[in-house]
């Protein structure tokens, strides 16, 4: 049961990474710094990664 749950959480992590990559594709540092929307989107995905990583079993 834990391994199945881990797969779900790991998929959430991978999905969030993919979203961050898509948000930042062809975005330079200045554009990122000036866009609250981009920053909020990336921050939310990092939060999801953190929440999911806390739930992955340590086995």
PDB file of N, CA and C in Angstrom:
ATOM      1  N   UNK A   1       0.820  -1.198   0.000  1.00  0.00           N
ATOM      2  CA  UNK A   1       0.000   0.000   0.000  1.00  0.00           C
ATOM      3  C   UNK A   1       0.864   1.263   0.000  1.00  0.00           C
ATOM      4  N   UNK A   2       1.923   1.274   0.796  1.00  0.00           N
ATOM      5  CA  UNK A   2       2.795   2.455   0.840  1.00  0.00           C
ATOM      6  C   UNK A   2       3.416   2.733  -0.521  1.00  0.00           C
ATOM      7  N   UNK A   3       3.853   1.652  -1.197  1.00  0.00           N
ATOM      8  CA  UNK A   3       4.514   1.861  -2.484  1.00  0.00           C
ATOM      9  C   UNK A   3       3.566   2.476  -3.505  1.00  0.00           C
ATOM     10  N   UNK A   4       2.294   2.052  -3.479  1.00  0.00           N
ATOM     11  CA  UNK A   4       1.315   2.641  -4.395  1.00  0.00           C
ATOM     12  C   UNK A   4       1.135   4.128  -4.087  1.00  0.00           C
ATOM     13  N   UNK A   5       1.034   4.461  -2.806  1.00  0.00           N
ATOM     14  CA  UNK A   5       0.924   5.863  -2.408  1.00  0.00           C
ATOM     15  C   UNK A   5       2.152   6.657  -2.808  1.00  0.00           C
ATOM     16  N   UNK A   6       3.319   6.046  -2.635  1.00  0.00           N
ATOM     17  CA  UNK A   6       4.562   6.710  -3.030  1.00  0.00           C
ATOM     18  C   UNK A   6       4.557   7.035  -4.518  1.00  0.00           C
ATOM     19  N   UNK A   7       4.056   6.113  -5.318  1.00  0.00           N
ATOM     20  CA  UNK A   7       4.008   6.359  -6.769  1.00  0.00           C
ATOM     21  C   UNK A   7       3.159   7.585  -7.088  1.00  0.00           C
ATOM     22  N   UNK A   8       2.051   7.706  -6.387  1.00  0.00           N
ATOM     23  CA  UNK A   8       1.174   8.864  -6.603  1.00  0.00           C
ATOM     24  C   UNK A   8       1.908  10.147  -6.237  1.00  0.00           C
ATOM     25  N   UNK A   9       2.549  10.154  -5.073  1.00  0.00           N
ATOM     26  CA  UNK A   9       3.266  11.355  -4.637  1.00  0.00           C
ATOM     27  C   UNK A   9       4.436  11.671  -5.559  1.00  0.00           C
ATOM     28  N   UNK A  10       5.150  10.646  -5.994  1.00  0.00           N
ATOM     29  CA  UNK A  10       6.263  10.873  -6.916  1.00  0.00           C
ATOM     30  C   UNK A  10       5.760  11.416  -8.251  1.00  0.00           C
ATOM     31  N   UNK A  11       4.595  10.947  -8.687  1.00  0.00           N
ATOM     32  CA  UNK A  11       4.019  11.481  -9.924  1.00  0.00           C
ATOM     33  C   UNK A  11       3.637  12.946  -9.757  1.00  0.00           C
ATOM     34  N   UNK A  12       3.117  13.301  -8.582  1.00  0.00           N
ATOM     35  CA  UNK A  12       2.806  14.710  -8.311  1.00  0.00           C
ATOM     36  C   UNK A  12       4.067  15.564  -8.418  1.00  0.00           C
ATOM     37  N   UNK A  13       5.164  15.044  -7.881  1.00  0.00           N
ATOM     38  CA  UNK A  13       6.440  15.767  -7.946  1.00  0.00           C
ATOM     39  C   UNK A  13       6.875  15.949  -9.402  1.00  0.00           C
ATOM     40  N   UNK A  14       6.817  14.871 -10.175  1.00  0.00           N
ATOM     41  CA  UNK A  14       7.214  14.954 -11.583  1.00  0.00           C
ATOM     42  C   UNK A  14       6.309  15.901 -12.370  1.00  0.00           C
ATOM     43  N   UNK A  15       5.015  15.851 -12.090  1.00  0.00           N
ATOM     44  CA  UNK A  15       4.076  16.758 -12.764  1.00  0.00           C
ATOM     45  C   UNK A  15       4.385  18.217 -12.438  1.00  0.00           C
ATOM     46  N   UNK A  16       4.704  18.480 -11.185  1.00  0.00           N
ATOM     47  CA  UNK A  16       5.024  19.849 -10.777  1.00  0.00           C
ATOM     48  C   UNK A  16       6.306  20.341 -11.433  1.00  0.00           C
ATOM     49  N   UNK A  17       7.287  19.470 -11.532  1.00  0.00           N
ATOM     50  CA  UNK A  17       8.534  19.837 -12.215  1.00  0.00           C
ATOM     51  C   UNK A  17       8.247  20.169 -13.674  1.00  0.00           C
ATOM     52  N   UNK A  18       7.419  19.356 -14.320  1.00  0.00           N
ATOM     53  CA  UNK A  18       7.073  19.600 -15.723  1.00  0.00           C
ATOM     54  C   UNK A  18       6.342  20.931 -15.884  1.00  0.00           C
ATOM     55  N   UNK A  19       5.468  21.242 -14.943  1.00  0.00           N
ATOM     56  CA  UNK A  19       4.750  22.521 -15.014  1.00  0.00           C
ATOM     57  C   UNK A  19       5.714  23.693 -14.871  1.00  0.00           C
ATOM     58  N   UNK A  20       6.633  23.587 -13.916  1.00  0.00           N
ATOM     59  CA  UNK A  20       7.627  24.656 -13.741  1.00  0.00           C
ATOM     60  C   UNK A  20       8.424  24.840 -15.027  1.00  0.00           C
ATOM     61  N   UNK A  21       8.858  23.722 -15.619  1.00  0.00           N
ATOM     62  CA  UNK A  21       9.618  23.812 -16.868  1.00  0.00           C
ATOM     63  C   UNK A  21       8.799  24.491 -17.965  1.00  0.00           C
ATOM     64  N   UNK A  22       7.507  24.159 -18.040  1.00  0.00           N
ATOM     65  CA  UNK A  22       6.675  24.773 -19.083  1.00  0.00           C
ATOM     66  C   UNK A  22       6.437  26.256 -18.806  1.00  0.00           C
ATOM     67  N   UNK A  23       6.267  26.621 -17.541  1.00  0.00           N
ATOM     68  CA  UNK A  23       6.082  28.034 -17.189  1.00  0.00           C
ATOM     69  C   UNK A  23       7.308  28.862 -17.562  1.00  0.00           C
ATOM     70  N   UNK A  24       8.483  28.279 -17.389  1.00  0.00           N
ATOM     71  CA  UNK A  24       9.722  29.037 -17.544  1.00  0.00           C
ATOM     72  C   UNK A  24      10.390  28.863 -18.901  1.00  0.00           C
ATOM     73  N   UNK A  25       9.769  28.086 -19.780  1.00  0.00           N
ATOM     74  CA  UNK A  25      10.334  27.871 -21.115  1.00  0.00           C
ATOM     75  C   UNK A  25      10.463  29.211 -21.840  1.00  0.00           C
ATOM     76  N   UNK A  26      11.655  29.522 -22.237  1.00  0.00           N
ATOM     77  CA  UNK A  26      11.971  30.761 -22.962  1.00  0.00           C
ATOM     78  C   UNK A  26      11.666  32.032 -22.162  1.00  0.00           C
ATOM     79  N   UNK A  27      11.702  31.942 -20.844  1.00  0.00           N
ATOM     80  CA  UNK A  27      11.508  33.107 -19.978  1.00  0.00           C
ATOM     81  C   UNK A  27      12.870  33.479 -19.399  1.00  0.00           C
ATOM     82  N   UNK A  28      13.267  34.726 -19.577  1.00  0.00           N
ATOM     83  CA  UNK A  28      14.545  35.130 -18.997  1.00  0.00           C
ATOM     84  C   UNK A  28      14.343  35.630 -17.564  1.00  0.00           C
ATOM     85  N   UNK A  29      15.444  35.865 -16.901  1.00  0.00           N
ATOM     86  CA  UNK A  29      15.401  36.246 -15.487  1.00  0.00           C
ATOM     87  C   UNK A  29      14.606  37.531 -15.260  1.00  0.00           C
ATOM     88  N   UNK A  30      14.808  38.512 -16.117  1.00  0.00           N
ATOM     89  CA  UNK A  30      14.098  39.787 -15.950  1.00  0.00           C
ATOM     90  C   UNK A  30      12.591  39.624 -16.115  1.00  0.00           C
ATOM     91  N   UNK A  31      12.187  38.823 -17.095  1.00  0.00           N
ATOM     92  CA  UNK A  31      10.758  38.574 -17.302  1.00  0.00           C
ATOM     93  C   UNK A  31      10.161  37.862 -16.093  1.00  0.00           C
ATOM     94  N   UNK A  32      10.897  36.891 -15.568  1.00  0.00           N
ATOM     95  CA  UNK A  32      10.423  36.168 -14.388  1.00  0.00           C
ATOM     96  C   UNK A  32      10.275  37.114 -13.196  1.00  0.00           C
ATOM     97  N   UNK A  33      11.288  37.943 -12.983  1.00  0.00           N
ATOM     98  CA  UNK A  33      11.259  38.869 -11.846  1.00  0.00           C
ATOM     99  C   UNK A  33      10.124  39.883 -11.945  1.00  0.00           C
ATOM    100  N   UNK A  34       9.725  40.214 -13.154  1.00  0.00           N
ATOM    101  CA  UNK A  34       8.681  41.231 -13.319  1.00  0.00           C
ATOM    102  C   UNK A  34       7.270  40.642 -13.410  1.00  0.00           C
ATOM    103  N   UNK A  35       7.149  39.325 -13.337  1.00  0.00           N
ATOM    104  CA  UNK A  35       5.837  38.693 -13.484  1.00  0.00           C
ATOM    105  C   UNK A  35       5.398  38.018 -12.181  1.00  0.00           C
ATOM    106  N   UNK A  36       4.481  38.669 -11.488  1.00  0.00           N
ATOM    107  CA  UNK A  36       3.932  38.058 -10.269  1.00  0.00           C
ATOM    108  C   UNK A  36       3.224  36.746 -10.589  1.00  0.00           C
ATOM    109  N   UNK A  37       2.575  36.682 -11.738  1.00  0.00           N
ATOM    110  CA  UNK A  37       1.851  35.476 -12.126  1.00  0.00           C
ATOM    111  C   UNK A  37       2.799  34.286 -12.283  1.00  0.00           C
ATOM    112  N   UNK A  38       3.907  34.485 -12.979  1.00  0.00           N
ATOM    113  CA  UNK A  38       4.902  33.423 -13.130  1.00  0.00           C
ATOM    114  C   UNK A  38       5.479  33.018 -11.779  1.00  0.00           C
ATOM    115  N   UNK A  39       5.833  33.997 -10.976  1.00  0.00           N
ATOM    116  CA  UNK A  39       6.396  33.698  -9.662  1.00  0.00           C
ATOM    117  C   UNK A  39       5.413  32.904  -8.810  1.00  0.00           C
ATOM    118  N   UNK A  40       4.150  33.323  -8.795  1.00  0.00           N
ATOM    119  CA  UNK A  40       3.141  32.614  -8.006  1.00  0.00           C
ATOM    120  C   UNK A  40       2.953  31.183  -8.497  1.00  0.00           C
ATOM    121  N   UNK A  41       2.958  30.999  -9.816  1.00  0.00           N
ATOM    122  CA  UNK A  41       2.807  29.656 -10.370  1.00  0.00           C
ATOM    123  C   UNK A  41       3.953  28.742  -9.977  1.00  0.00           C
ATOM    124  N   UNK A  42       5.167  29.251 -10.069  1.00  0.00           N
ATOM    125  CA  UNK A  42       6.342  28.453  -9.703  1.00  0.00           C
ATOM    126  C   UNK A  42       6.345  28.167  -8.205  1.00  0.00           C
ATOM    127  N   UNK A  43       6.039  29.166  -7.404  1.00  0.00           N
ATOM    128  CA  UNK A  43       6.002  28.970  -5.950  1.00  0.00           C
ATOM    129  C   UNK A  43       4.984  27.901  -5.586  1.00  0.00           C
ATOM    130  N   UNK A  44       3.809  27.938  -6.211  1.00  0.00           N
ATOM    131  CA  UNK A  44       2.779  26.936  -5.904  1.00  0.00           C
ATOM    132  C   UNK A  44       3.260  25.538  -6.253  1.00  0.00           C
ATOM    133  N   UNK A  45       3.930  25.388  -7.371  1.00  0.00           N
ATOM    134  CA  UNK A  45       4.430  24.066  -7.754  1.00  0.00           C
ATOM    135  C   UNK A  45       5.521  23.594  -6.792  1.00  0.00           C
ATOM    136  N   UNK A  46       6.347  24.500  -6.314  1.00  0.00           N
ATOM    137  CA  UNK A  46       7.362  24.139  -5.318  1.00  0.00           C
ATOM    138  C   UNK A  46       6.684  23.706  -4.024  1.00  0.00           C
ATOM    139  N   UNK A  47       5.594  24.360  -3.661  1.00  0.00           N
ATOM    140  CA  UNK A  47       4.834  23.941  -2.475  1.00  0.00           C
ATOM    141  C   UNK A  47       4.291  22.528  -2.650  1.00  0.00           C
ATOM    142  N   UNK A  48       3.758  22.238  -3.816  1.00  0.00           N
ATOM    143  CA  UNK A  48       3.237  20.895  -4.089  1.00  0.00           C
ATOM    144  C   UNK A  48       4.353  19.868  -3.996  1.00  0.00           C
ATOM    145  N   UNK A  49       5.518  20.189  -4.529  1.00  0.00           N
ATOM    146  CA  UNK A  49       6.669  19.284  -4.439  1.00  0.00           C
ATOM    147  C   UNK A  49       7.020  19.035  -2.979  1.00  0.00           C
ATOM    148  N   UNK A  50       7.045  20.080  -2.176  1.00  0.00           N
ATOM    149  CA  UNK A  50       7.364  19.937  -0.755  1.00  0.00           C
ATOM    150  C   UNK A  50       6.348  19.087  -0.023  1.00  0.00           C
ATOM    151  N   UNK A  51       5.060  19.325  -0.285  1.00  0.00           N
ATOM    152  CA  UNK A  51       4.007  18.553   0.372  1.00  0.00           C
ATOM    153  C   UNK A  51       4.087  17.082  -0.021  1.00  0.00           C
ATOM    154  N   UNK A  52       4.287  16.822  -1.300  1.00  0.00           N
ATOM    155  CA  UNK A  52       4.361  15.439  -1.772  1.00  0.00           C
ATOM    156  C   UNK A  52       5.605  14.738  -1.234  1.00  0.00           C
ATOM    157  N   UNK A  53       6.725  15.444  -1.190  1.00  0.00           N
ATOM    158  CA  UNK A  53       7.966  14.811  -0.723  1.00  0.00           C
ATOM    159  C   UNK A  53       7.900  14.448   0.753  1.00  0.00           C
ATOM    160  N   UNK A  54       7.133  15.207   1.534  1.00  0.00           N
ATOM    161  CA  UNK A  54       6.972  14.871   2.953  1.00  0.00           C
ATOM    162  C   UNK A  54       6.184  13.578   3.134  1.00  0.00           C
ATOM    163  N   UNK A  55       5.355  13.236   2.162  1.00  0.00           N
ATOM    164  CA  UNK A  55       4.483  12.072   2.277  1.00  0.00           C
ATOM    165  C   UNK A  55       5.093  10.787   1.718  1.00  0.00           C
ATOM    166  N   UNK A  56       6.193  10.899   0.988  1.00  0.00           N
ATOM    167  CA  UNK A  56       6.862   9.711   0.455  1.00  0.00           C
ATOM    168  C   UNK A  56       7.497   8.964   1.617  1.00  0.00           C
ATOM    169  N   UNK A  57       7.277   7.648   1.643  1.00  0.00           N
ATOM    170  CA  UNK A  57       7.821   6.857   2.754  1.00  0.00           C
ATOM    171  C   UNK A  57       9.344   6.843   2.697  1.00  0.00           C
ATOM    172  N   UNK A  58       9.953   6.633   3.832  1.00  0.00           N
ATOM    173  CA  UNK A  58      11.420   6.642   3.909  1.00  0.00           C
ATOM    174  C   UNK A  58      12.023   5.265   3.642  1.00  0.00           C
ATOM    175  N   UNK A  59      11.193   4.294   3.346  1.00  0.00           N
ATOM    176  CA  UNK A  59      11.682   2.923   3.080  1.00  0.00           C
ATOM    177  C   UNK A  59      12.368   2.802   1.762  1.00  0.00           C
TER     178      UNK A  59
END
